[in-house]
N, C-alpha and C. Protein backbone atom coordinates (compact mmCIF):
# COMPACT_ATOMS: atom_id res chain seq x y z
N MET A 1 0.83 -1.19 0.00
CA MET A 1 0.00 0.00 0.00
C MET A 1 0.87 1.25 0.00
N GLU A 2 1.96 1.22 0.75
CA GLU A 2 2.82 2.40 0.82
C GLU A 2 3.42 2.72 -0.54
N LYS A 3 3.76 1.68 -1.33
CA LYS A 3 4.30 1.90 -2.66
C LYS A 3 3.28 2.56 -3.57
N ILE A 4 2.02 2.24 -3.40
CA ILE A 4 0.97 2.76 -4.27
C ILE A 4 0.54 4.16 -3.86
N LYS A 5 0.25 4.36 -2.59
CA LYS A 5 -0.30 5.63 -2.13
C LYS A 5 0.74 6.59 -1.56
N GLY A 6 1.97 6.09 -1.33
CA GLY A 6 3.01 6.96 -0.80
C GLY A 6 2.95 7.16 0.70
N ARG A 7 2.13 6.37 1.37
CA ARG A 7 2.03 6.45 2.83
C ARG A 7 1.60 5.09 3.37
N LYS A 8 1.89 4.87 4.63
CA LYS A 8 1.48 3.61 5.24
C LYS A 8 -0.02 3.62 5.46
N PRO A 9 -0.66 2.45 5.36
CA PRO A 9 -2.11 2.40 5.60
C PRO A 9 -2.42 2.63 7.08
N GLN A 10 -3.62 3.09 7.34
CA GLN A 10 -4.06 3.34 8.71
C GLN A 10 -4.14 2.03 9.49
N HIS A 11 -4.56 0.96 8.82
CA HIS A 11 -4.70 -0.35 9.46
C HIS A 11 -3.83 -1.35 8.72
N SER A 12 -3.23 -2.28 9.45
CA SER A 12 -2.37 -3.29 8.83
C SER A 12 -3.20 -4.21 7.93
N GLU A 13 -2.51 -4.91 7.06
CA GLU A 13 -3.17 -5.87 6.17
C GLU A 13 -3.92 -6.92 6.98
N HIS A 14 -3.32 -7.37 8.08
CA HIS A 14 -3.96 -8.40 8.91
C HIS A 14 -5.20 -7.85 9.62
N LYS A 15 -5.16 -6.60 10.05
CA LYS A 15 -6.34 -5.99 10.69
C LYS A 15 -7.47 -5.86 9.68
N ARG A 16 -7.14 -5.46 8.45
CA ARG A 16 -8.16 -5.34 7.40
C ARG A 16 -8.76 -6.71 7.09
N LEU A 17 -7.92 -7.74 7.05
CA LEU A 17 -8.40 -9.09 6.81
C LEU A 17 -9.35 -9.52 7.93
N GLU A 18 -8.98 -9.28 9.18
CA GLU A 18 -9.85 -9.63 10.31
C GLU A 18 -11.19 -8.92 10.20
N ARG A 19 -11.16 -7.67 9.81
CA ARG A 19 -12.41 -6.88 9.69
C ARG A 19 -13.31 -7.47 8.62
N ILE A 20 -12.75 -7.80 7.48
CA ILE A 20 -13.55 -8.38 6.39
C ILE A 20 -14.12 -9.73 6.82
N GLN A 21 -13.30 -10.55 7.43
CA GLN A 21 -13.76 -11.87 7.87
C GLN A 21 -14.84 -11.78 8.93
N SER A 22 -14.82 -10.73 9.73
CA SER A 22 -15.82 -10.56 10.79
C SER A 22 -17.20 -10.19 10.24
N GLU A 23 -17.27 -9.81 8.98
CA GLU A 23 -18.55 -9.42 8.37
C GLU A 23 -19.46 -10.61 8.08
N ASN A 24 -18.92 -11.82 8.10
CA ASN A 24 -19.70 -13.03 7.89
C ASN A 24 -20.49 -12.96 6.57
N ILE A 25 -19.76 -12.75 5.50
CA ILE A 25 -20.36 -12.69 4.17
C ILE A 25 -20.38 -14.11 3.61
N PRO A 26 -21.56 -14.65 3.33
CA PRO A 26 -21.66 -16.03 2.83
C PRO A 26 -20.87 -16.22 1.54
N HIS A 27 -20.19 -17.32 1.42
CA HIS A 27 -19.47 -17.73 0.22
C HIS A 27 -18.27 -16.86 -0.12
N ALA A 28 -17.89 -15.93 0.75
CA ALA A 28 -16.74 -15.07 0.45
C ALA A 28 -15.47 -15.72 0.99
N HIS A 29 -14.43 -15.61 0.21
CA HIS A 29 -13.12 -16.09 0.63
C HIS A 29 -12.15 -14.94 0.43
N VAL A 30 -11.45 -14.59 1.48
CA VAL A 30 -10.51 -13.47 1.40
C VAL A 30 -9.12 -14.02 1.68
N ARG A 31 -8.19 -13.60 0.87
CA ARG A 31 -6.81 -14.06 1.02
C ARG A 31 -5.87 -12.88 0.87
N LEU A 32 -4.83 -12.85 1.67
CA LEU A 32 -3.81 -11.81 1.53
C LEU A 32 -2.96 -12.13 0.31
N GLY A 33 -2.31 -11.11 -0.21
CA GLY A 33 -1.48 -11.29 -1.39
C GLY A 33 -0.22 -12.10 -1.12
N ARG A 34 0.43 -12.48 -2.18
CA ARG A 34 1.67 -13.25 -2.10
C ARG A 34 2.83 -12.33 -1.75
N GLU A 35 3.84 -12.91 -1.15
CA GLU A 35 5.05 -12.14 -0.81
C GLU A 35 5.69 -11.54 -2.06
N ASP A 36 5.63 -12.27 -3.18
CA ASP A 36 6.25 -11.77 -4.41
C ASP A 36 5.35 -10.79 -5.16
N GLY A 37 4.13 -10.58 -4.67
CA GLY A 37 3.22 -9.60 -5.28
C GLY A 37 2.60 -10.05 -6.59
N ASN A 38 2.71 -11.32 -6.96
CA ASN A 38 2.20 -11.81 -8.24
C ASN A 38 0.69 -12.07 -8.14
N VAL A 39 -0.08 -11.08 -8.54
CA VAL A 39 -1.54 -11.15 -8.48
C VAL A 39 -2.07 -12.27 -9.36
N TRP A 40 -1.50 -12.42 -10.55
CA TRP A 40 -2.00 -13.41 -11.50
C TRP A 40 -1.82 -14.83 -10.96
N GLU A 41 -0.72 -15.07 -10.26
CA GLU A 41 -0.50 -16.40 -9.69
C GLU A 41 -1.49 -16.66 -8.54
N THR A 42 -1.79 -15.61 -7.77
CA THR A 42 -2.79 -15.75 -6.70
C THR A 42 -4.14 -16.13 -7.30
N ILE A 43 -4.52 -15.47 -8.38
CA ILE A 43 -5.80 -15.78 -9.04
C ILE A 43 -5.78 -17.21 -9.56
N ARG A 44 -4.66 -17.61 -10.16
CA ARG A 44 -4.54 -18.98 -10.67
C ARG A 44 -4.69 -20.00 -9.53
N GLU A 45 -4.07 -19.73 -8.39
CA GLU A 45 -4.14 -20.64 -7.25
C GLU A 45 -5.55 -20.73 -6.67
N GLU A 46 -6.22 -19.60 -6.58
CA GLU A 46 -7.55 -19.56 -5.96
C GLU A 46 -8.67 -19.96 -6.92
N ASN A 47 -8.49 -19.67 -8.20
CA ASN A 47 -9.49 -20.00 -9.22
C ASN A 47 -10.90 -19.54 -8.80
N PRO A 48 -11.06 -18.23 -8.53
CA PRO A 48 -12.36 -17.74 -8.06
C PRO A 48 -13.39 -17.62 -9.18
N ASP A 49 -14.66 -17.54 -8.79
CA ASP A 49 -15.73 -17.25 -9.74
C ASP A 49 -15.75 -15.76 -10.07
N GLY A 50 -15.37 -14.95 -9.08
CA GLY A 50 -15.40 -13.51 -9.26
C GLY A 50 -14.39 -12.82 -8.37
N ILE A 51 -14.08 -11.57 -8.73
CA ILE A 51 -13.15 -10.75 -7.97
C ILE A 51 -13.84 -9.42 -7.70
N LEU A 52 -13.89 -9.01 -6.45
CA LEU A 52 -14.47 -7.72 -6.07
C LEU A 52 -13.33 -6.76 -5.77
N LEU A 53 -13.31 -5.65 -6.50
CA LEU A 53 -12.27 -4.65 -6.36
C LEU A 53 -12.86 -3.36 -5.78
N GLY A 54 -12.02 -2.59 -5.15
CA GLY A 54 -12.44 -1.27 -4.68
C GLY A 54 -12.70 -0.36 -5.88
N TYR A 55 -13.52 0.66 -5.69
CA TYR A 55 -13.90 1.54 -6.80
C TYR A 55 -12.69 2.23 -7.42
N ASP A 56 -11.64 2.48 -6.64
CA ASP A 56 -10.46 3.16 -7.17
C ASP A 56 -9.22 2.27 -7.15
N GLN A 57 -9.42 0.97 -7.00
CA GLN A 57 -8.29 0.05 -6.93
C GLN A 57 -7.66 -0.13 -8.30
N ARG A 58 -6.36 -0.01 -8.35
CA ARG A 58 -5.64 -0.20 -9.61
C ARG A 58 -5.58 -1.69 -9.93
N PHE A 59 -6.03 -2.04 -11.12
CA PHE A 59 -6.07 -3.44 -11.53
C PHE A 59 -6.21 -3.47 -13.04
N ASP A 60 -5.48 -4.34 -13.69
CA ASP A 60 -5.53 -4.46 -15.14
C ASP A 60 -6.69 -5.38 -15.54
N ASP A 61 -7.89 -4.80 -15.61
CA ASP A 61 -9.09 -5.56 -15.95
C ASP A 61 -8.94 -6.30 -17.29
N ALA A 62 -8.37 -5.63 -18.28
CA ALA A 62 -8.24 -6.22 -19.62
C ALA A 62 -7.34 -7.46 -19.58
N GLN A 63 -6.22 -7.36 -18.88
CA GLN A 63 -5.32 -8.52 -18.79
C GLN A 63 -5.99 -9.66 -18.03
N CYS A 64 -6.74 -9.32 -16.99
CA CYS A 64 -7.43 -10.35 -16.22
C CYS A 64 -8.45 -11.07 -17.09
N ARG A 65 -9.22 -10.32 -17.87
CA ARG A 65 -10.21 -10.93 -18.76
C ARG A 65 -9.55 -11.82 -19.81
N GLU A 66 -8.37 -11.39 -20.26
CA GLU A 66 -7.65 -12.17 -21.27
C GLU A 66 -7.13 -13.48 -20.66
N GLU A 67 -6.55 -13.41 -19.47
CA GLU A 67 -5.98 -14.61 -18.85
C GLU A 67 -7.03 -15.50 -18.18
N PHE A 68 -8.10 -14.87 -17.69
CA PHE A 68 -9.14 -15.61 -16.95
C PHE A 68 -10.52 -15.20 -17.45
N PRO A 69 -10.90 -15.62 -18.64
CA PRO A 69 -12.15 -15.15 -19.25
C PRO A 69 -13.41 -15.53 -18.49
N ASP A 70 -13.35 -16.55 -17.63
CA ASP A 70 -14.55 -16.99 -16.92
C ASP A 70 -14.75 -16.32 -15.56
N ILE A 71 -13.81 -15.49 -15.16
CA ILE A 71 -13.92 -14.83 -13.85
C ILE A 71 -14.66 -13.50 -14.00
N GLN A 72 -15.66 -13.30 -13.18
CA GLN A 72 -16.42 -12.04 -13.19
C GLN A 72 -15.67 -11.00 -12.37
N ILE A 73 -15.49 -9.80 -12.92
CA ILE A 73 -14.81 -8.72 -12.22
C ILE A 73 -15.86 -7.70 -11.83
N LEU A 74 -15.95 -7.43 -10.53
CA LEU A 74 -16.90 -6.45 -10.00
C LEU A 74 -16.15 -5.33 -9.30
N ARG A 75 -16.70 -4.13 -9.33
CA ARG A 75 -16.11 -2.99 -8.62
C ARG A 75 -17.14 -2.45 -7.64
N ALA A 76 -16.68 -2.24 -6.41
CA ALA A 76 -17.53 -1.64 -5.40
C ALA A 76 -17.71 -0.16 -5.72
N GLU A 77 -18.85 0.37 -5.32
CA GLU A 77 -19.08 1.80 -5.49
C GLU A 77 -18.43 2.57 -4.35
N ALA A 78 -18.10 3.80 -4.59
CA ALA A 78 -17.52 4.65 -3.55
C ALA A 78 -18.54 4.89 -2.45
N TYR A 79 -18.10 4.83 -1.22
CA TYR A 79 -18.99 5.09 -0.09
C TYR A 79 -18.91 6.57 0.27
N ALA A 80 -19.99 7.28 0.11
CA ALA A 80 -20.09 8.71 0.45
C ALA A 80 -18.88 9.50 -0.05
N PRO A 81 -18.63 9.51 -1.37
CA PRO A 81 -17.44 10.19 -1.88
C PRO A 81 -17.43 11.68 -1.59
N GLN A 82 -18.59 12.30 -1.47
CA GLN A 82 -18.63 13.72 -1.15
C GLN A 82 -18.06 14.00 0.23
N HIS A 83 -18.02 12.98 1.07
CA HIS A 83 -17.50 13.14 2.43
C HIS A 83 -16.09 12.58 2.58
N PHE A 84 -15.84 11.42 1.99
CA PHE A 84 -14.59 10.71 2.24
C PHE A 84 -13.55 10.87 1.14
N LYS A 85 -13.88 11.42 0.00
CA LYS A 85 -12.92 11.54 -1.10
C LYS A 85 -12.64 13.00 -1.38
N SER A 86 -11.99 13.65 -0.42
CA SER A 86 -11.76 15.10 -0.52
C SER A 86 -10.89 15.47 -1.70
N SER A 87 -10.04 14.56 -2.18
CA SER A 87 -9.17 14.90 -3.30
C SER A 87 -9.95 15.19 -4.57
N LYS A 88 -11.18 14.68 -4.66
CA LYS A 88 -12.02 14.96 -5.83
C LYS A 88 -12.46 16.42 -5.89
N PHE A 89 -12.49 17.06 -4.75
CA PHE A 89 -13.05 18.41 -4.68
C PHE A 89 -11.99 19.47 -4.46
N GLY A 90 -10.74 19.09 -4.44
CA GLY A 90 -9.68 20.07 -4.21
C GLY A 90 -9.61 20.44 -2.75
N LYS A 91 -8.68 21.27 -2.43
CA LYS A 91 -8.51 21.68 -1.04
C LYS A 91 -9.55 22.73 -0.67
N GLN A 92 -10.09 22.56 0.50
CA GLN A 92 -11.09 23.50 1.00
C GLN A 92 -10.37 24.64 1.75
N PRO A 93 -10.87 25.87 1.62
CA PRO A 93 -10.24 26.98 2.35
C PRO A 93 -10.40 26.78 3.86
N VAL A 94 -9.40 27.20 4.57
CA VAL A 94 -9.42 27.10 6.02
C VAL A 94 -10.03 28.36 6.59
N ASN A 95 -11.05 28.20 7.43
CA ASN A 95 -11.67 29.35 8.09
C ASN A 95 -10.79 29.80 9.24
N GLU A 96 -10.48 31.07 9.28
CA GLU A 96 -9.63 31.59 10.37
C GLU A 96 -10.45 32.39 11.35
């Protein structure tokens, strides 16, 4: 995450995994990435029916469809972007 966003995440990868697993979503399987970062090998190993990505998550959809034509790729919608995605609206003036 630090390589992508330029900062450490607020919560560790393991904390995020615990949070997702605590949601008790039927039929969902969540796995952390490989040490070598090879996403395609992870997909090959797991052989999922579908992949759910964050609305702004970087992912080569075209390459995934080419290598894994039977896997459905879904993207989550942004949650309250007007509140949580301040970069879309530029910097707000500070009231003094």
